[in-house]
Amino acid sequence: MEPQIGWEPEFKKTQQAIHEVTGLDFNRIEHIGSTSIKGIKAKPMIDFALGVDDIHHVTVELLKSLKTIQFYRLKVVLENEVVLAKFLDNGKMDTKTHIIHLVEHEGQKWKDLLSFRDQLNSSEALAKEYEALKLSYLLTGNGDMNDYTRYKENFVKRVVDRAKTTDS
């Protein structure tokens, strides 16, 4: 799990494909997650935030258009978010390579996802702290993705909340 290079070209390529099939503006397709943070180790999986007008009325057409480029909706239930994934092998669907987080464009979740990324990219200390947290889970955790997400939750919340207090 070394720091990975090459994520930016993969982001640009996938952003272009998403734009072509959905018509979403490029400013509504953002690179997020560990692969968007410079110099830290990341799982070989790239995350995207896609901003939609109303998360409670995501159109069937949008989901179908994403399916044409092999993004499938996951049965994950999250508040104000729809999650889709692309897999290494579409037959087995066990190794995710790309994750889409459909959220309301300019909504709170959108702002939090981008704020977290931007703060870690502007603070090497925060980025390294996040990397250490993720690595400690690998050593002690059970490998369950939900457990992993909960494990990181307090750190993410602290970083996002810090930005909210400095903005006001």
N, C-alpha and C. Protein backbone atom coordinates (compact mmCIF):
# COMPACT_ATOMS: atom_id res chain seq x y z
N MET A 1 0.83 -1.18 0.00
CA MET A 1 0.00 0.00 0.00
C MET A 1 0.89 1.25 0.00
N GLU A 2 1.72 1.40 -0.99
CA GLU A 2 2.61 2.56 -1.08
C GLU A 2 1.84 3.76 -1.64
N PRO A 3 2.39 4.98 -1.41
CA PRO A 3 1.73 6.11 -2.06
C PRO A 3 1.68 5.84 -3.56
N GLN A 4 0.54 6.08 -4.13
CA GLN A 4 0.35 5.70 -5.52
C GLN A 4 0.40 6.93 -6.40
N ILE A 5 1.00 6.74 -7.54
CA ILE A 5 0.99 7.81 -8.53
C ILE A 5 0.09 7.33 -9.67
N GLY A 6 -0.33 8.23 -10.47
CA GLY A 6 -1.18 7.84 -11.60
C GLY A 6 -2.66 7.97 -11.34
N TRP A 7 -3.03 8.42 -10.15
CA TRP A 7 -4.46 8.56 -9.87
C TRP A 7 -5.07 9.73 -10.61
N GLU A 8 -4.29 10.81 -10.80
CA GLU A 8 -4.84 11.99 -11.49
C GLU A 8 -5.25 11.67 -12.93
N PRO A 9 -4.39 10.97 -13.72
CA PRO A 9 -4.83 10.59 -15.07
C PRO A 9 -6.07 9.67 -15.05
N GLU A 10 -6.13 8.76 -14.08
CA GLU A 10 -7.30 7.87 -13.97
C GLU A 10 -8.54 8.68 -13.62
N PHE A 11 -8.38 9.66 -12.73
CA PHE A 11 -9.50 10.54 -12.41
C PHE A 11 -9.98 11.27 -13.66
N LYS A 12 -9.06 11.89 -14.38
CA LYS A 12 -9.42 12.68 -15.58
C LYS A 12 -10.13 11.80 -16.61
N LYS A 13 -9.60 10.59 -16.83
CA LYS A 13 -10.19 9.66 -17.80
C LYS A 13 -11.62 9.28 -17.39
N THR A 14 -11.79 8.95 -16.12
CA THR A 14 -13.11 8.55 -15.63
C THR A 14 -14.06 9.74 -15.57
N GLN A 15 -13.55 10.90 -15.18
CA GLN A 15 -14.36 12.12 -15.16
C GLN A 15 -14.91 12.39 -16.57
N GLN A 16 -14.06 12.25 -17.57
CA GLN A 16 -14.47 12.45 -18.97
C GLN A 16 -15.56 11.45 -19.36
N ALA A 17 -15.37 10.18 -19.00
CA ALA A 17 -16.36 9.14 -19.32
C ALA A 17 -17.70 9.42 -18.64
N ILE A 18 -17.64 9.82 -17.36
CA ILE A 18 -18.87 10.14 -16.62
C ILE A 18 -19.58 11.32 -17.27
N HIS A 19 -18.81 12.34 -17.61
CA HIS A 19 -19.37 13.53 -18.27
C HIS A 19 -20.05 13.13 -19.59
N GLU A 20 -19.38 12.30 -20.37
CA GLU A 20 -19.92 11.91 -21.68
C GLU A 20 -21.24 11.15 -21.57
N VAL A 21 -21.35 10.24 -20.59
CA VAL A 21 -22.57 9.44 -20.51
C VAL A 21 -23.69 10.10 -19.72
N THR A 22 -23.34 11.04 -18.82
CA THR A 22 -24.38 11.65 -17.98
C THR A 22 -24.69 13.10 -18.35
N GLY A 23 -23.75 13.78 -19.00
CA GLY A 23 -23.92 15.19 -19.29
C GLY A 23 -23.65 16.08 -18.09
N LEU A 24 -23.23 15.48 -16.96
CA LEU A 24 -22.91 16.29 -15.77
C LEU A 24 -21.72 17.19 -16.07
N ASP A 25 -21.78 18.44 -15.60
CA ASP A 25 -20.65 19.35 -15.75
C ASP A 25 -19.44 18.80 -15.02
N PHE A 26 -18.25 19.14 -15.52
CA PHE A 26 -17.01 18.67 -14.91
C PHE A 26 -16.89 19.14 -13.45
N ASN A 27 -17.45 20.32 -13.12
CA ASN A 27 -17.36 20.81 -11.75
C ASN A 27 -18.27 20.05 -10.79
N ARG A 28 -19.04 19.11 -11.31
CA ARG A 28 -19.89 18.25 -10.47
C ARG A 28 -19.29 16.85 -10.33
N ILE A 29 -18.08 16.66 -10.83
CA ILE A 29 -17.39 15.36 -10.76
C ILE A 29 -16.03 15.61 -10.12
N GLU A 30 -15.91 15.30 -8.84
CA GLU A 30 -14.70 15.61 -8.09
C GLU A 30 -13.98 14.34 -7.62
N HIS A 31 -12.66 14.42 -7.58
CA HIS A 31 -11.81 13.35 -7.06
C HIS A 31 -11.72 13.52 -5.55
N ILE A 32 -12.10 12.48 -4.79
CA ILE A 32 -12.05 12.53 -3.33
C ILE A 32 -11.38 11.27 -2.81
N GLY A 33 -11.33 11.13 -1.51
CA GLY A 33 -10.77 9.92 -0.92
C GLY A 33 -9.25 9.95 -0.88
N SER A 34 -8.67 8.88 -0.38
CA SER A 34 -7.23 8.81 -0.17
C SER A 34 -6.41 9.01 -1.43
N THR A 35 -6.92 8.55 -2.57
CA THR A 35 -6.15 8.70 -3.81
C THR A 35 -6.08 10.14 -4.27
N SER A 36 -6.90 11.02 -3.69
CA SER A 36 -6.86 12.44 -4.05
C SER A 36 -5.93 13.23 -3.13
N ILE A 37 -5.35 12.54 -2.14
CA ILE A 37 -4.47 13.20 -1.18
C ILE A 37 -3.02 12.87 -1.52
N LYS A 38 -2.25 13.91 -1.75
CA LYS A 38 -0.87 13.74 -2.21
C LYS A 38 0.00 13.08 -1.14
N GLY A 39 0.79 12.08 -1.58
CA GLY A 39 1.83 11.52 -0.74
C GLY A 39 1.43 10.53 0.33
N ILE A 40 0.17 10.09 0.35
CA ILE A 40 -0.18 9.08 1.35
C ILE A 40 -0.51 7.76 0.68
N LYS A 41 -0.38 6.70 1.45
CA LYS A 41 -0.70 5.36 0.96
C LYS A 41 -2.21 5.23 0.82
N ALA A 42 -2.63 4.49 -0.20
CA ALA A 42 -4.07 4.33 -0.44
C ALA A 42 -4.35 2.95 -1.01
N LYS A 43 -5.55 2.46 -0.70
CA LYS A 43 -6.00 1.22 -1.34
C LYS A 43 -6.12 1.49 -2.83
N PRO A 44 -5.95 0.48 -3.66
CA PRO A 44 -6.07 0.71 -5.12
C PRO A 44 -7.54 0.86 -5.55
N MET A 45 -8.15 1.92 -5.05
CA MET A 45 -9.56 2.20 -5.34
C MET A 45 -9.73 3.71 -5.36
N ILE A 46 -10.32 4.24 -6.41
CA ILE A 46 -10.46 5.69 -6.56
C ILE A 46 -11.90 6.11 -6.28
N ASP A 47 -12.06 7.20 -5.54
CA ASP A 47 -13.39 7.69 -5.15
C ASP A 47 -13.72 8.99 -5.88
N PHE A 48 -15.00 9.12 -6.23
CA PHE A 48 -15.52 10.30 -6.91
C PHE A 48 -16.73 10.81 -6.15
N ALA A 49 -16.86 12.13 -6.08
CA ALA A 49 -18.11 12.74 -5.62
C ALA A 49 -18.80 13.25 -6.88
N LEU A 50 -20.06 12.85 -7.07
CA LEU A 50 -20.87 13.35 -8.18
C LEU A 50 -21.99 14.18 -7.59
N GLY A 51 -22.07 15.44 -8.00
CA GLY A 51 -23.08 16.33 -7.48
C GLY A 51 -24.33 16.34 -8.33
N VAL A 52 -25.45 15.99 -7.70
CA VAL A 52 -26.75 16.00 -8.38
C VAL A 52 -27.62 17.08 -7.74
N ASP A 53 -28.69 17.47 -8.43
CA ASP A 53 -29.56 18.53 -7.92
C ASP A 53 -30.36 18.11 -6.69
N ASP A 54 -30.87 16.87 -6.70
CA ASP A 54 -31.71 16.40 -5.60
C ASP A 54 -31.43 14.93 -5.35
N ILE A 55 -30.75 14.63 -4.25
CA ILE A 55 -30.35 13.25 -3.96
C ILE A 55 -31.56 12.35 -3.72
N HIS A 56 -32.71 12.93 -3.38
CA HIS A 56 -33.91 12.13 -3.13
C HIS A 56 -34.69 11.83 -4.41
N HIS A 57 -34.24 12.40 -5.52
CA HIS A 57 -34.89 12.16 -6.81
C HIS A 57 -33.84 11.91 -7.89
N VAL A 58 -32.95 10.94 -7.64
CA VAL A 58 -31.94 10.57 -8.63
C VAL A 58 -32.67 9.82 -9.74
N THR A 59 -32.47 10.25 -10.97
CA THR A 59 -33.23 9.67 -12.08
C THR A 59 -32.73 8.29 -12.46
N VAL A 60 -33.64 7.48 -12.95
CA VAL A 60 -33.30 6.16 -13.47
C VAL A 60 -32.35 6.34 -14.65
N GLU A 61 -32.55 7.39 -15.43
CA GLU A 61 -31.69 7.65 -16.59
C GLU A 61 -30.23 7.85 -16.17
N LEU A 62 -30.03 8.59 -15.07
CA LEU A 62 -28.67 8.81 -14.59
C LEU A 62 -28.02 7.48 -14.20
N LEU A 63 -28.74 6.68 -13.43
CA LEU A 63 -28.20 5.38 -13.00
C LEU A 63 -27.94 4.46 -14.19
N LYS A 64 -28.85 4.47 -15.18
CA LYS A 64 -28.66 3.66 -16.38
C LYS A 64 -27.45 4.13 -17.18
N SER A 65 -27.25 5.46 -17.27
CA SER A 65 -26.11 5.98 -18.03
C SER A 65 -24.80 5.59 -17.35
N LEU A 66 -24.77 5.59 -16.02
CA LEU A 66 -23.56 5.18 -15.31
C LEU A 66 -23.31 3.68 -15.46
N LYS A 67 -24.39 2.93 -15.58
CA LYS A 67 -24.26 1.48 -15.78
C LYS A 67 -23.59 1.17 -17.14
N THR A 68 -23.79 2.05 -18.13
CA THR A 68 -23.17 1.82 -19.45
C THR A 68 -21.64 1.88 -19.37
N ILE A 69 -21.11 2.53 -18.32
CA ILE A 69 -19.64 2.53 -18.14
C ILE A 69 -19.28 1.68 -16.90
N GLN A 70 -20.10 0.68 -16.63
CA GLN A 70 -19.88 -0.35 -15.61
C GLN A 70 -19.90 0.13 -14.15
N PHE A 71 -20.69 1.18 -13.86
CA PHE A 71 -20.89 1.58 -12.47
C PHE A 71 -22.24 1.04 -12.03
N TYR A 72 -22.23 0.24 -10.96
CA TYR A 72 -23.44 -0.41 -10.47
C TYR A 72 -23.79 0.11 -9.08
N ARG A 73 -25.06 0.35 -8.87
CA ARG A 73 -25.51 0.84 -7.57
C ARG A 73 -25.31 -0.23 -6.51
N LEU A 74 -24.77 0.16 -5.38
CA LEU A 74 -24.56 -0.77 -4.27
C LEU A 74 -25.75 -0.71 -3.32
N LYS A 75 -25.94 -1.78 -2.57
CA LYS A 75 -27.06 -1.85 -1.62
C LYS A 75 -26.66 -1.22 -0.28
N VAL A 76 -25.84 -0.19 -0.34
CA VAL A 76 -25.40 0.54 0.85
C VAL A 76 -26.44 1.61 1.14
N VAL A 77 -26.88 1.70 2.39
CA VAL A 77 -27.85 2.72 2.76
C VAL A 77 -27.13 3.80 3.58
N LEU A 78 -26.96 4.96 2.97
CA LEU A 78 -26.34 6.10 3.65
C LEU A 78 -27.28 7.29 3.54
N GLU A 79 -27.23 8.14 4.55
CA GLU A 79 -28.08 9.31 4.56
C GLU A 79 -27.60 10.30 3.50
N ASN A 80 -28.54 10.74 2.64
CA ASN A 80 -28.26 11.75 1.61
C ASN A 80 -27.13 11.36 0.66
N GLU A 81 -27.04 10.07 0.34
CA GLU A 81 -25.98 9.61 -0.55
C GLU A 81 -26.40 8.30 -1.23
N VAL A 82 -26.03 8.18 -2.50
CA VAL A 82 -26.21 6.94 -3.25
C VAL A 82 -24.82 6.51 -3.67
N VAL A 83 -24.49 5.23 -3.47
CA VAL A 83 -23.14 4.74 -3.76
C VAL A 83 -23.17 3.75 -4.93
N LEU A 84 -22.25 3.97 -5.86
CA LEU A 84 -22.10 3.06 -6.99
C LEU A 84 -20.64 2.62 -7.05
N ALA A 85 -20.39 1.48 -7.70
CA ALA A 85 -19.02 1.01 -7.81
C ALA A 85 -18.79 0.35 -9.16
N LYS A 86 -17.52 0.37 -9.54
CA LYS A 86 -17.03 -0.33 -10.72
C LYS A 86 -16.10 -1.40 -10.17
N PHE A 87 -16.11 -2.57 -10.81
CA PHE A 87 -15.37 -3.70 -10.29
C PHE A 87 -14.29 -4.16 -11.25
N LEU A 88 -13.26 -4.78 -10.68
CA LEU A 88 -12.16 -5.33 -11.47
C LEU A 88 -12.69 -6.38 -12.44
N ASP A 89 -13.54 -7.25 -11.91
CA ASP A 89 -14.13 -8.32 -12.72
C ASP A 89 -15.64 -8.22 -12.58
N ASN A 90 -16.32 -7.73 -13.62
CA ASN A 90 -17.77 -7.53 -13.53
C ASN A 90 -18.55 -8.81 -13.29
N GLY A 91 -17.97 -9.95 -13.61
CA GLY A 91 -18.65 -11.22 -13.36
C GLY A 91 -18.76 -11.53 -11.88
N LYS A 92 -17.65 -11.36 -11.15
CA LYS A 92 -17.63 -11.70 -9.72
C LYS A 92 -18.11 -10.55 -8.84
N MET A 93 -17.81 -9.32 -9.23
CA MET A 93 -18.18 -8.14 -8.46
C MET A 93 -17.67 -8.21 -7.03
N ASP A 94 -16.40 -8.59 -6.85
CA ASP A 94 -15.89 -8.64 -5.49
C ASP A 94 -14.73 -7.67 -5.24
N THR A 95 -14.10 -7.16 -6.29
CA THR A 95 -13.00 -6.22 -6.10
C THR A 95 -13.36 -4.87 -6.72
N LYS A 96 -13.69 -3.91 -5.85
CA LYS A 96 -14.06 -2.58 -6.33
C LYS A 96 -12.80 -1.83 -6.75
N THR A 97 -12.89 -1.12 -7.87
CA THR A 97 -11.77 -0.30 -8.35
C THR A 97 -12.12 1.19 -8.32
N HIS A 98 -13.40 1.50 -8.46
CA HIS A 98 -13.88 2.88 -8.50
C HIS A 98 -15.17 2.96 -7.68
N ILE A 99 -15.29 4.04 -6.90
CA ILE A 99 -16.50 4.27 -6.11
C ILE A 99 -17.05 5.66 -6.45
N ILE A 100 -18.35 5.73 -6.68
CA ILE A 100 -19.02 7.01 -6.89
C ILE A 100 -19.91 7.28 -5.68
N HIS A 101 -19.78 8.47 -5.11
CA HIS A 101 -20.65 8.94 -4.03
C HIS A 101 -21.55 10.01 -4.65
N LEU A 102 -22.79 9.63 -4.96
CA LEU A 102 -23.75 10.61 -5.48
C LEU A 102 -24.30 11.38 -4.30
N VAL A 103 -24.09 12.69 -4.32
CA VAL A 103 -24.56 13.56 -3.24
C VAL A 103 -25.12 14.83 -3.86
N GLU A 104 -25.81 15.62 -3.05
CA GLU A 104 -26.36 16.87 -3.55
C GLU A 104 -25.25 17.87 -3.82
N HIS A 105 -25.21 18.39 -5.05
CA HIS A 105 -24.18 19.37 -5.42
C HIS A 105 -24.30 20.60 -4.54
N GLU A 106 -23.20 20.99 -3.93
CA GLU A 106 -23.12 22.14 -3.01
C GLU A 106 -23.89 21.91 -1.71
N GLY A 107 -24.38 20.68 -1.48
CA GLY A 107 -25.03 20.36 -0.21
C GLY A 107 -23.96 20.11 0.85
N GLN A 108 -24.40 19.84 2.09
CA GLN A 108 -23.45 19.69 3.20
C GLN A 108 -22.49 18.52 2.98
N LYS A 109 -22.99 17.40 2.49
CA LYS A 109 -22.11 16.24 2.29
C LYS A 109 -21.05 16.54 1.22
N TRP A 110 -21.47 17.20 0.15
CA TRP A 110 -20.55 17.62 -0.92
C TRP A 110 -19.45 18.50 -0.33
N LYS A 111 -19.87 19.51 0.43
CA LYS A 111 -18.91 20.45 1.02
C LYS A 111 -17.95 19.74 1.98
N ASP A 112 -18.49 18.79 2.77
CA ASP A 112 -17.64 18.06 3.72
C ASP A 112 -16.61 17.19 3.00
N LEU A 113 -17.03 16.48 1.95
CA LEU A 113 -16.10 15.62 1.21
C LEU A 113 -14.95 16.43 0.61
N LEU A 114 -15.27 17.56 0.01
CA LEU A 114 -14.25 18.39 -0.62
C LEU A 114 -13.40 19.11 0.43
N SER A 115 -14.01 19.52 1.52
CA SER A 115 -13.27 20.18 2.60
C SER A 115 -12.22 19.24 3.18
N PHE A 116 -12.63 17.99 3.43
CA PHE A 116 -11.70 17.00 3.99
C PHE A 116 -10.50 16.82 3.06
N ARG A 117 -10.77 16.61 1.78
CA ARG A 117 -9.69 16.43 0.79
C ARG A 117 -8.77 17.66 0.77
N ASP A 118 -9.37 18.83 0.70
CA ASP A 118 -8.59 20.05 0.57
C ASP A 118 -7.73 20.32 1.82
N GLN A 119 -8.29 20.04 2.99
CA GLN A 119 -7.53 20.25 4.22
C GLN A 119 -6.33 19.30 4.31
N LEU A 120 -6.53 18.04 3.95
CA LEU A 120 -5.43 17.08 4.01
C LEU A 120 -4.36 17.41 2.97
N ASN A 121 -4.79 17.93 1.81
CA ASN A 121 -3.81 18.32 0.80
C ASN A 121 -3.05 19.58 1.18
N SER A 122 -3.61 20.38 2.08
CA SER A 122 -2.90 21.60 2.48
C SER A 122 -2.13 21.43 3.79
N SER A 123 -2.23 20.26 4.41
CA SER A 123 -1.50 20.00 5.66
C SER A 123 -0.88 18.61 5.62
N GLU A 124 0.44 18.58 5.43
CA GLU A 124 1.12 17.28 5.39
C GLU A 124 0.95 16.54 6.72
N ALA A 125 0.93 17.28 7.83
CA ALA A 125 0.76 16.66 9.15
C ALA A 125 -0.59 15.95 9.26
N LEU A 126 -1.67 16.61 8.81
CA LEU A 126 -3.00 15.99 8.83
C LEU A 126 -3.04 14.77 7.91
N ALA A 127 -2.44 14.91 6.72
CA ALA A 127 -2.42 13.80 5.76
C ALA A 127 -1.71 12.59 6.36
N LYS A 128 -0.57 12.81 7.01
CA LYS A 128 0.20 11.71 7.61
C LYS A 128 -0.55 11.10 8.79
N GLU A 129 -1.27 11.95 9.54
CA GLU A 129 -2.07 11.44 10.67
C GLU A 129 -3.18 10.52 10.14
N TYR A 130 -3.80 10.93 9.05
CA TYR A 130 -4.85 10.11 8.43
C TYR A 130 -4.26 8.80 7.91
N GLU A 131 -3.13 8.88 7.25
CA GLU A 131 -2.47 7.68 6.74
C GLU A 131 -2.15 6.72 7.89
N ALA A 132 -1.62 7.23 9.00
CA ALA A 132 -1.29 6.39 10.15
C ALA A 132 -2.54 5.72 10.72
N LEU A 133 -3.64 6.48 10.78
CA LEU A 133 -4.91 5.93 11.27
C LEU A 133 -5.37 4.76 10.40
N LYS A 134 -5.30 4.95 9.08
CA LYS A 134 -5.72 3.91 8.15
C LYS A 134 -4.82 2.68 8.26
N LEU A 135 -3.52 2.90 8.39
CA LEU A 135 -2.58 1.78 8.52
C LEU A 135 -2.80 1.03 9.82
N SER A 136 -3.12 1.74 10.92
CA SER A 136 -3.37 1.07 12.19
C SER A 136 -4.59 0.16 12.10
N TYR A 137 -5.59 0.57 11.28
CA TYR A 137 -6.76 -0.30 11.10
C TYR A 137 -6.36 -1.60 10.40
N LEU A 138 -5.47 -1.49 9.42
CA LEU A 138 -5.02 -2.70 8.72
C LEU A 138 -4.39 -3.69 9.68
N LEU A 139 -3.71 -3.18 10.69
CA LEU A 139 -3.04 -4.06 11.65
C LEU A 139 -3.99 -4.63 12.69
N THR A 140 -5.05 -3.88 13.03
CA THR A 140 -5.92 -4.31 14.13
C THR A 140 -7.34 -4.64 13.72
N GLY A 141 -7.77 -4.14 12.56
CA GLY A 141 -9.17 -4.29 12.16
C GLY A 141 -9.48 -5.66 11.59
N ASN A 142 -10.76 -5.88 11.33
CA ASN A 142 -11.22 -7.18 10.85
C ASN A 142 -11.43 -7.23 9.34
N GLY A 143 -11.14 -6.12 8.65
CA GLY A 143 -11.29 -6.11 7.20
C GLY A 143 -12.67 -5.76 6.70
N ASP A 144 -13.63 -5.58 7.60
CA ASP A 144 -15.00 -5.23 7.22
C ASP A 144 -15.04 -3.75 6.82
N MET A 145 -15.58 -3.44 5.63
CA MET A 145 -15.59 -2.07 5.13
C MET A 145 -16.41 -1.13 6.01
N ASN A 146 -17.53 -1.60 6.56
CA ASN A 146 -18.34 -0.75 7.44
C ASN A 146 -17.58 -0.43 8.72
N ASP A 147 -16.88 -1.43 9.24
CA ASP A 147 -16.07 -1.25 10.44
C ASP A 147 -14.94 -0.25 10.16
N TYR A 148 -14.33 -0.38 9.00
CA TYR A 148 -13.25 0.51 8.57
C TYR A 148 -13.74 1.96 8.48
N THR A 149 -14.92 2.15 7.90
CA THR A 149 -15.51 3.49 7.77
C THR A 149 -15.77 4.09 9.16
N ARG A 150 -16.33 3.29 10.07
CA ARG A 150 -16.59 3.77 11.43
C ARG A 150 -15.27 4.12 12.14
N TYR A 151 -14.24 3.33 11.89
CA TYR A 151 -12.93 3.54 12.50
C TYR A 151 -12.36 4.92 12.13
N LYS A 152 -12.59 5.36 10.89
CA LYS A 152 -12.07 6.64 10.40
C LYS A 152 -12.99 7.82 10.73
N GLU A 153 -14.22 7.51 11.10
CA GLU A 153 -15.27 8.52 11.22
C GLU A 153 -14.93 9.70 12.13
N ASN A 154 -14.40 9.44 13.33
CA ASN A 154 -14.11 10.53 14.28
C ASN A 154 -13.05 11.47 13.73
N PHE A 155 -12.02 10.92 13.07
CA PHE A 155 -10.98 11.76 12.49
C PHE A 155 -11.57 12.65 11.40
N VAL A 156 -12.34 12.05 10.51
CA VAL A 156 -12.95 12.79 9.41
C VAL A 156 -13.85 13.90 9.97
N LYS A 157 -14.66 13.55 10.95
CA LYS A 157 -15.58 14.53 11.56
C LYS A 157 -14.79 15.68 12.19
N ARG A 158 -13.71 15.36 12.89
CA ARG A 158 -12.89 16.40 13.54
C ARG A 158 -12.30 17.36 12.50
N VAL A 159 -11.80 16.82 11.39
CA VAL A 159 -11.20 17.66 10.35
C VAL A 159 -12.27 18.55 9.70
N VAL A 160 -13.41 17.95 9.37
CA VAL A 160 -14.49 18.70 8.72
C VAL A 160 -15.05 19.77 9.66
N ASP A 161 -15.25 19.40 10.93
CA ASP A 161 -15.78 20.37 11.90
C ASP A 161 -14.81 21.52 12.13
N ARG A 162 -13.52 21.22 12.10
CA ARG A 162 -12.51 22.26 12.27
C ARG A 162 -12.62 23.33 11.18
N ALA A 163 -12.87 22.87 9.95
CA ALA A 163 -13.04 23.81 8.84
C ALA A 163 -14.28 24.66 9.02
N LYS A 164 -15.34 24.05 9.54
CA LYS A 164 -16.58 24.80 9.74
C LYS A 164 -16.40 25.89 10.79
N THR A 165 -15.62 25.63 11.84
CA THR A 165 -15.44 26.64 12.87
C THR A 165 -14.49 27.75 12.42
N THR A 166 -13.54 27.42 11.55
CA THR A 166 -12.63 28.46 11.06
C THR A 166 -13.28 29.29 9.96
N ASP A 167 -14.30 28.73 9.30
CA ASP A 167 -15.01 29.48 8.25
C ASP A 167 -16.00 30.48 8.81
N SER A 168 -16.49 30.23 10.04
CA SER A 168 -17.54 31.11 10.57
C SER A 168 -16.98 32.25 11.38
